[in-house]
PDB file of N, CA and C in Angstrom:
ATOM      1  N   MET A   1      25.778  25.087  -2.028  1.00  0.00           N
ATOM      2  CA  MET A   1      25.834  25.158  -3.484  1.00  0.00           C
ATOM      3  C   MET A   1      24.862  26.641  -3.843  1.00  0.00           C
ATOM      4  N   GLN A   2      24.472  27.539  -2.928  1.00  0.00           N
ATOM      5  CA  GLN A   2      23.998  28.480  -3.049  1.00  0.00           C
ATOM      6  C   GLN A   2      25.195  29.454  -3.473  1.00  0.00           C
ATOM      7  N   ILE A   3      26.591  28.968  -2.866  1.00  0.00           N
ATOM      8  CA  ILE A   3      27.382  29.674  -3.008  1.00  0.00           C
ATOM      9  C   ILE A   3      28.184  29.679  -4.684  1.00  0.00           C
ATOM     10  N   LEU A   4      27.930  28.254  -5.031  1.00  0.00           N
ATOM     11  CA  LEU A   4      28.554  28.313  -6.663  1.00  0.00           C
ATOM     12  C   LEU A   4      27.742  28.683  -7.452  1.00  0.00           C
ATOM     13  N   GLY A   5      26.317  28.674  -6.981  1.00  0.00           N
ATOM     14  CA  GLY A   5      25.489  29.836  -7.658  1.00  0.00           C
ATOM     15  C   GLY A   5      25.624  30.574  -7.806  1.00  0.00           C
ATOM     16  N   SER A   6      25.679  31.596  -6.601  1.00  0.00           N
ATOM     17  CA  SER A   6      25.977  33.291  -6.603  1.00  0.00           C
ATOM     18  C   SER A   6      27.969  32.826  -7.637  1.00  0.00           C
ATOM     19  N   LEU A   7      28.584  32.024  -7.298  1.00  0.00           N
ATOM     20  CA  LEU A   7      29.784  32.109  -8.581  1.00  0.00           C
ATOM     21  C   LEU A   7      28.809  32.112  -9.833  1.00  0.00           C
ATOM     22  N   PHE A   8      28.605  31.436  -9.941  1.00  0.00           N
ATOM     23  CA  PHE A   8      28.206  31.587 -11.850  1.00  0.00           C
ATOM     24  C   PHE A   8      27.396  32.532 -11.997  1.00  0.00           C
ATOM     25  N   ALA A   9      26.496  33.434 -11.397  1.00  0.00           N
ATOM     26  CA  ALA A   9      26.102  34.464 -11.612  1.00  0.00           C
ATOM     27  C   ALA A   9      27.142  35.505 -11.570  1.00  0.00           C
ATOM     28  N   ILE A  10      28.003  35.973 -11.040  1.00  0.00           N
ATOM     29  CA  ILE A  10      29.253  36.341 -11.028  1.00  0.00           C
ATOM     30  C   ILE A  10      29.678  36.477 -12.217  1.00  0.00           C
ATOM     31  N   VAL A  11      30.108  35.225 -12.835  1.00  0.00           N
ATOM     32  CA  VAL A  11      30.773  34.868 -13.968  1.00  0.00           C
ATOM     33  C   VAL A  11      30.046  35.758 -15.504  1.00  0.00           C
ATOM     34  N   SER A  12      28.639  35.143 -14.916  1.00  0.00           N
ATOM     35  CA  SER A  12      28.025  35.614 -16.447  1.00  0.00           C
ATOM     36  C   SER A  12      27.688  36.643 -16.106  1.00  0.00           C
ATOM     37  N   LEU A  13      27.175  38.147 -15.309  1.00  0.00           N
ATOM     38  CA  LEU A  13      27.696  39.218 -15.423  1.00  0.00           C
ATOM     39  C   LEU A  13      28.780  39.737 -15.764  1.00  0.00           C
ATOM     40  N   VAL A  14      29.670  39.384 -15.641  1.00  0.00           N
ATOM     41  CA  VAL A  14      30.959  39.963 -15.737  1.00  0.00           C
ATOM     42  C   VAL A  14      31.046  39.818 -17.622  1.00  0.00           C
ATOM     43  N   CYS A  15      30.239  38.949 -18.023  1.00  0.00           N
ATOM     44  CA  CYS A  15      30.436  38.157 -19.259  1.00  0.00           C
ATOM     45  C   CYS A  15      30.091  39.242 -20.334  1.00  0.00           C
ATOM     46  N   SER A  16      28.361  39.690 -19.286  1.00  0.00           N
ATOM     47  CA  SER A  16      27.258  40.391 -19.700  1.00  0.00           C
ATOM     48  C   SER A  16      27.813  41.785 -20.330  1.00  0.00           C
ATOM     49  N   ILE A  17      28.507  42.300 -19.070  1.00  0.00           N
ATOM     50  CA  ILE A  17      29.484  43.672 -18.677  1.00  0.00           C
ATOM     51  C   ILE A  17      30.353  43.800 -20.497  1.00  0.00           C
ATOM     52  N   ILE A  18      30.776  42.650 -20.471  1.00  0.00           N
ATOM     53  CA  ILE A  18      32.007  42.707 -21.471  1.00  0.00           C
ATOM     54  C   ILE A  18      31.034  43.373 -22.478  1.00  0.00           C
ATOM     55  N   ILE A  19      30.080  42.900 -23.040  1.00  0.00           N
ATOM     56  CA  ILE A  19      29.533  42.678 -24.827  1.00  0.00           C
ATOM     57  C   ILE A  19      28.561  44.056 -24.114  1.00  0.00           C
ATOM     58  N   LEU A  20      28.064  44.537 -22.908  1.00  0.00           N
ATOM     59  CA  LEU A  20      27.402  45.720 -23.061  1.00  0.00           C
ATOM     60  C   LEU A  20      28.835  47.035 -23.214  1.00  0.00           C
ATOM     61  N   ILE A  21      29.686  47.199 -22.905  1.00  0.00           N
ATOM     62  CA  ILE A  21      30.411  48.099 -22.988  1.00  0.00           C
ATOM     63  C   ILE A  21      31.230  48.134 -24.604  1.00  0.00           C
ATOM     64  N   ASP A  22      30.876  47.206 -25.347  1.00  0.00           N
ATOM     65  CA  ASP A  22      31.075  46.905 -26.742  1.00  0.00           C
ATOM     66  C   ASP A  22      29.773  47.510 -27.506  1.00  0.00           C
ATOM     67  N   ALA A  23      28.760  47.355 -26.727  1.00  0.00           N
ATOM     68  CA  ALA A  23      27.654  48.055 -27.498  1.00  0.00           C
ATOM     69  C   ALA A  23      27.668  49.358 -27.306  1.00  0.00           C
ATOM     70  N   PHE A  24      28.113  49.976 -25.468  1.00  0.00           N
ATOM     71  CA  PHE A  24      27.934  51.110 -25.647  1.00  0.00           C
ATOM     72  C   PHE A  24      28.844  51.473 -26.727  1.00  0.00           C
ATOM     73  N   LYS A  25      30.336  51.116 -27.080  1.00  0.00           N
ATOM     74  CA  LYS A  25      31.334  51.537 -28.400  1.00  0.00           C
ATOM     75  C   LYS A  25      30.517  52.016 -29.404  1.00  0.00           C
ATOM     76  N   SER A  26      29.781  50.744 -29.433  1.00  0.00           N
ATOM     77  CA  SER A  26      28.879  50.844 -31.180  1.00  0.00           C
ATOM     78  C   SER A  26      27.974  52.132 -30.651  1.00  0.00           C
ATOM     79  N   ALA A  27      27.430  51.989 -30.172  1.00  0.00           N
ATOM     80  CA  ALA A  27      26.069  53.218 -30.124  1.00  0.00           C
ATOM     81  C   ALA A  27      25.910  53.452 -28.443  1.00  0.00           C
ATOM     82  N   ILE A  28      25.365  54.836 -28.360  1.00  0.00           N
ATOM     83  CA  ILE A  28      25.091  54.813 -26.633  1.00  0.00           C
ATOM     84  C   ILE A  28      23.333  53.884 -26.654  1.00  0.00           C
ATOM     85  N   TRP A  29      22.431  54.000 -27.797  1.00  0.00           N
ATOM     86  CA  TRP A  29      21.402  53.833 -27.753  1.00  0.00           C
ATOM     87  C   TRP A  29      20.995  52.325 -27.693  1.00  0.00           C
ATOM     88  N   LYS A  30      22.352  51.098 -27.988  1.00  0.00           N
ATOM     89  CA  LYS A  30      22.700  50.260 -28.056  1.00  0.00           C
ATOM     90  C   LYS A  30      22.789  49.490 -26.739  1.00  0.00           C
ATOM     91  N   GLY A  31      23.505  50.229 -25.727  1.00  0.00           N
ATOM     92  CA  GLY A  31      24.269  50.471 -24.556  1.00  0.00           C
ATOM     93  C   GLY A  31      22.808  50.102 -23.672  1.00  0.00           C
ATOM     94  N   ILE A  32      21.992  51.283 -24.402  1.00  0.00           N
ATOM     95  CA  ILE A  32      21.167  51.290 -23.185  1.00  0.00           C
ATOM     96  C   ILE A  32      19.784  50.077 -23.697  1.00  0.00           C
ATOM     97  N   VAL A  33      19.778  50.186 -24.113  1.00  0.00           N
ATOM     98  CA  VAL A  33      18.286  49.209 -24.503  1.00  0.00           C
ATOM     99  C   VAL A  33      19.269  47.439 -24.097  1.00  0.00           C
ATOM    100  N   GLY A  34      20.404  47.653 -24.299  1.00  0.00           N
ATOM    101  CA  GLY A  34      21.100  46.535 -23.395  1.00  0.00           C
ATOM    102  C   GLY A  34      20.803  45.765 -22.330  1.00  0.00           C
ATOM    103  N   ILE A  35      21.054  47.332 -21.330  1.00  0.00           N
ATOM    104  CA  ILE A  35      20.802  47.424 -20.395  1.00  0.00           C
ATOM    105  C   ILE A  35      19.307  46.755 -19.733  1.00  0.00           C
ATOM    106  N   LEU A  36      18.124  47.385 -20.687  1.00  0.00           N
ATOM    107  CA  LEU A  36      17.012  47.767 -19.956  1.00  0.00           C
ATOM    108  C   LEU A  36      16.287  46.017 -20.505  1.00  0.00           C
ATOM    109  N   CYS A  37      16.797  45.491 -21.845  1.00  0.00           N
ATOM    110  CA  CYS A  37      16.027  44.561 -22.363  1.00  0.00           C
ATOM    111  C   CYS A  37      17.518  43.228 -23.076  1.00  0.00           C
ATOM    112  N   GLY A  38      17.430  42.375 -22.182  1.00  0.00           N
ATOM    113  CA  GLY A  38      18.393  41.310 -21.990  1.00  0.00           C
ATOM    114  C   GLY A  38      18.393  39.979 -23.390  1.00  0.00           C
ATOM    115  N   LEU A  39      16.937  40.545 -24.163  1.00  0.00           N
ATOM    116  CA  LEU A  39      17.164  39.902 -25.092  1.00  0.00           C
ATOM    117  C   LEU A  39      18.037  40.401 -26.602  1.00  0.00           C
ATOM    118  N   TYR A  40      17.419  42.102 -26.489  1.00  0.00           N
ATOM    119  CA  TYR A  40      18.650  42.745 -27.336  1.00  0.00           C
ATOM    120  C   TYR A  40      20.045  42.339 -26.953  1.00  0.00           C
ATOM    121  N   LEU A  41      20.353  42.304 -25.671  1.00  0.00           N
ATOM    122  CA  LEU A  41      21.740  42.220 -25.248  1.00  0.00           C
ATOM    123  C   LEU A  41      22.446  40.684 -26.137  1.00  0.00           C
ATOM    124  N   LEU A  42      21.480  39.930 -25.817  1.00  0.00           N
ATOM    125  CA  LEU A  42      21.496  38.231 -26.850  1.00  0.00           C
ATOM    126  C   LEU A  42      21.490  39.028 -28.034  1.00  0.00           C
ATOM    127  N   TYR A  43      21.045  39.364 -28.665  1.00  0.00           N
ATOM    128  CA  TYR A  43      20.648  39.907 -29.894  1.00  0.00           C
ATOM    129  C   TYR A  43      22.500  40.297 -30.248  1.00  0.00           C
ATOM    130  N   TYR A  44      22.371  41.429 -29.895  1.00  0.00           N
ATOM    131  CA  TYR A  44      23.615  41.726 -29.990  1.00  0.00           C
ATOM    132  C   TYR A  44      24.807  40.989 -29.713  1.00  0.00           C
ATOM    133  N   GLY A  45      25.037  40.598 -28.660  1.00  0.00           N
ATOM    134  CA  GLY A  45      25.777  39.187 -28.807  1.00  0.00           C
ATOM    135  C   GLY A  45      26.542  38.483 -29.996  1.00  0.00           C
ATOM    136  N   ILE A  46      25.019  37.840 -30.151  1.00  0.00           N
ATOM    137  CA  ILE A  46      25.430  37.206 -31.444  1.00  0.00           C
ATOM    138  C   ILE A  46      25.364  37.756 -33.007  1.00  0.00           C
ATOM    139  N   VAL A  47      24.994  39.059 -32.916  1.00  0.00           N
ATOM    140  CA  VAL A  47      25.156  39.013 -34.798  1.00  0.00           C
ATOM    141  C   VAL A  47      25.998  40.465 -34.778  1.00  0.00           C
ATOM    142  N   GLU A  48      26.227  41.425 -33.741  1.00  0.00           N
ATOM    143  CA  GLU A  48      27.278  42.574 -33.756  1.00  0.00           C
ATOM    144  C   GLU A  48      28.533  42.565 -33.138  1.00  0.00           C
ATOM    145  N   PHE A  49      28.408  41.403 -32.016  1.00  0.00           N
ATOM    146  CA  PHE A  49      29.619  41.871 -31.224  1.00  0.00           C
ATOM    147  C   PHE A  49      31.110  41.253 -32.184  1.00  0.00           C
ATOM    148  N   LYS A  50      31.792  42.132 -31.841  1.00  0.00           N
ATOM    149  CA  LYS A  50      33.158  41.610 -32.623  1.00  0.00           C
ATOM    150  C   LYS A  50      34.038  41.583 -31.735  1.00  0.00           C
ATOM    151  N   HIS A  51      34.693  40.757 -31.439  1.00  0.00           N
ATOM    152  CA  HIS A  51      35.996  40.090 -30.551  1.00  0.00           C
ATOM    153  C   HIS A  51      36.390  39.066 -30.855  1.00  0.00           C
ATOM    154  N   PRO A  52      37.609  38.833 -30.692  1.00  0.00           N
ATOM    155  CA  PRO A  52      38.118  37.712 -31.338  1.00  0.00           C
ATOM    156  C   PRO A  52      37.721  36.454 -30.197  1.00  0.00           C
ATOM    157  N   ASN A  53      37.282  36.229 -28.865  1.00  0.00           N
ATOM    158  CA  ASN A  53      36.699  35.403 -28.082  1.00  0.00           C
ATOM    159  C   ASN A  53      35.426  35.597 -27.875  1.00  0.00           C
ATOM    160  N   LYS A  54      34.870  35.943 -28.892  1.00  0.00           N
ATOM    161  CA  LYS A  54      33.479  35.927 -29.090  1.00  0.00           C
ATOM    162  C   LYS A  54      32.957  34.710 -28.440  1.00  0.00           C
ATOM    163  N   THR A  55      32.792  33.571 -29.396  1.00  0.00           N
ATOM    164  CA  THR A  55      32.555  32.338 -29.188  1.00  0.00           C
ATOM    165  C   THR A  55      32.392  32.417 -27.742  1.00  0.00           C
ATOM    166  N   VAL A  56      33.227  32.416 -27.114  1.00  0.00           N
ATOM    167  CA  VAL A  56      34.033  31.708 -25.835  1.00  0.00           C
ATOM    168  C   VAL A  56      33.343  32.385 -24.756  1.00  0.00           C
ATOM    169  N   ILE A  57      33.282  33.876 -25.093  1.00  0.00           N
ATOM    170  CA  ILE A  57      32.353  34.782 -23.961  1.00  0.00           C
ATOM    171  C   ILE A  57      31.054  35.076 -24.278  1.00  0.00           C
ATOM    172  N   LEU A  58      30.409  34.440 -25.680  1.00  0.00           N
ATOM    173  CA  LEU A  58      29.064  34.293 -25.223  1.00  0.00           C
ATOM    174  C   LEU A  58      28.606  32.662 -24.617  1.00  0.00           C
ATOM    175  N   ALA A  59      29.336  31.509 -24.683  1.00  0.00           N
ATOM    176  CA  ALA A  59      29.178  30.024 -24.495  1.00  0.00           C
ATOM    177  C   ALA A  59      29.387  30.515 -22.875  1.00  0.00           C
ATOM    178  N   VAL A  60      30.457  31.087 -22.157  1.00  0.00           N
ATOM    179  CA  VAL A  60      30.809  31.309 -20.620  1.00  0.00           C
ATOM    180  C   VAL A  60      29.164  32.392 -20.402  1.00  0.00           C
ATOM    181  N   TRP A  61      28.858  32.724 -21.089  1.00  0.00           N
ATOM    182  CA  TRP A  61      27.790  34.384 -20.380  1.00  0.00           C
ATOM    183  C   TRP A  61      26.617  33.177 -20.089  1.00  0.00           C
ATOM    184  N   LEU A  62      26.530  32.366 -21.400  1.00  0.00           N
ATOM    185  CA  LEU A  62      24.571  31.789 -21.290  1.00  0.00           C
ATOM    186  C   LEU A  62      24.926  30.494 -20.633  1.00  0.00           C
ATOM    187  N   ILE A  63      25.973  29.423 -20.346  1.00  0.00           N
ATOM    188  CA  ILE A  63      25.988  28.853 -19.471  1.00  0.00           C
ATOM    189  C   ILE A  63      26.138  28.570 -18.543  1.00  0.00           C
ATOM    190  N   SER A  64      26.797  30.198 -17.564  1.00  0.00           N
ATOM    191  CA  SER A  64      27.186  30.966 -16.725  1.00  0.00           C
ATOM    192  C   SER A  64      25.410  31.145 -15.887  1.00  0.00           C
ATOM    193  N   ALA A  65      24.528  31.505 -17.011  1.00  0.00           N
ATOM    194  CA  ALA A  65      23.700  32.658 -15.976  1.00  0.00           C
ATOM    195  C   ALA A  65      22.689  31.439 -16.468  1.00  0.00           C
ATOM    196  N   ILE A  66      22.688  30.084 -16.814  1.00  0.00           N
ATOM    197  CA  ILE A  66      21.301  29.384 -16.687  1.00  0.00           C
ATOM    198  C   ILE A  66      22.028  28.280 -15.561  1.00  0.00           C
ATOM    199  N   LEU A  67      23.367  27.923 -15.075  1.00  0.00           N
ATOM    200  CA  LEU A  67      23.633  27.599 -14.329  1.00  0.00           C
ATOM    201  C   LEU A  67      23.379  27.960 -13.202  1.00  0.00           C
ATOM    202  N   GLY A  68      23.744  29.172 -13.031  1.00  0.00           N
ATOM    203  CA  GLY A  68      23.624  30.106 -11.991  1.00  0.00           C
ATOM    204  C   GLY A  68      22.215  30.201 -11.256  1.00  0.00           C
ATOM    205  N   GLY A  69      21.444  30.438 -12.152  1.00  0.00           N
ATOM    206  CA  GLY A  69      20.126  30.279 -11.926  1.00  0.00           C
ATOM    207  C   GLY A  69      19.376  28.841 -11.544  1.00  0.00           C
ATOM    208  N   GLY A  70      19.780  28.525 -12.140  1.00  0.00           N
ATOM    209  CA  GLY A  70      19.429  26.596 -12.069  1.00  0.00           C
ATOM    210  C   GLY A  70      19.655  26.224 -10.600  1.00  0.00           C
ATOM    211  N   LEU A  71      20.793  26.457 -10.008  1.00  0.00           N
ATOM    212  CA  LEU A  71      21.408  26.164  -8.493  1.00  0.00           C
ATOM    213  C   LEU A  71      21.014  27.188  -7.815  1.00  0.00           C
ATOM    214  N   SER A  72      20.960  28.571  -7.861  1.00  0.00           N
ATOM    215  CA  SER A  72      20.085  29.170  -6.949  1.00  0.00           C
ATOM    216  C   SER A  72      18.510  28.932  -6.448  1.00  0.00           C
ATOM    217  N   VAL A  73      18.068  28.394  -7.543  1.00  0.00           N
ATOM    218  CA  VAL A  73      16.571  28.319  -7.524  1.00  0.00           C
ATOM    219  C   VAL A  73      16.250  26.744  -7.259  1.00  0.00           C
ATOM    220  N   MET A  74      17.266  26.187  -7.298  1.00  0.00           N
ATOM    221  CA  MET A  74      17.072  24.474  -6.458  1.00  0.00           C
ATOM    222  C   MET A  74      17.825  24.988  -5.227  1.00  0.00           C
ATOM    223  N   SER A  75      19.172  25.925  -4.459  1.00  0.00           N
ATOM    224  CA  SER A  75      19.166  26.000  -3.273  1.00  0.00           C
ATOM    225  C   SER A  75      17.999  26.433  -2.423  1.00  0.00           C
ATOM    226  N   SER A  76      17.325  27.108  -3.376  1.00  0.00           N
ATOM    227  CA  SER A  76      16.657  28.337  -2.518  1.00  0.00           C
ATOM    228  C   SER A  76      15.054  27.540  -2.151  1.00  0.00           C
ATOM    229  N   SER A  77      14.657  26.688  -3.070  1.00  0.00           N
ATOM    230  CA  SER A  77      13.417  25.951  -2.814  1.00  0.00           C
ATOM    231  C   SER A  77      13.968  24.517  -1.819  1.00  0.00           C
ATOM    232  N   GLY A  78      15.157  24.142  -1.571  1.00  0.00           N
ATOM    233  CA  GLY A  78      15.630  23.081  -0.706  1.00  0.00           C
ATOM    234  C   GLY A  78      15.794  21.529  -1.117  1.00  0.00           C
ATOM    235  N   ARG A  79      15.949  22.011  -2.269  1.00  0.00           N
ATOM    236  CA  ARG A  79      15.914  20.865  -3.166  1.00  0.00           C
ATOM    237  C   ARG A  79      17.633  20.319  -3.039  1.00  0.00           C
ATOM    238  N   ILE A  80      18.468  21.124  -2.844  1.00  0.00           N
ATOM    239  CA  ILE A  80      19.970  20.522  -2.696  1.00  0.00           C
ATOM    240  C   ILE A  80      20.559  20.598  -1.388  1.00  0.00           C
TER     241      ILE A  80
END
């Protein structure tokens, strides 16, 4: 299960990098703040991110982050 959690984490990372690239294209300070503060990246993704597949990218990012974190915690605590 740890491998599955790692896979979800990688998918989440790829989606966040897509949003970060757009933030850096918009303004350098938005990209830097997005790296330093995940909540701002979430705000940017919901409010300012303009992409044809915005909802898919955001949904995959958030769901994979939750599943990856949950599976990693559960496998490290020995519950699975």
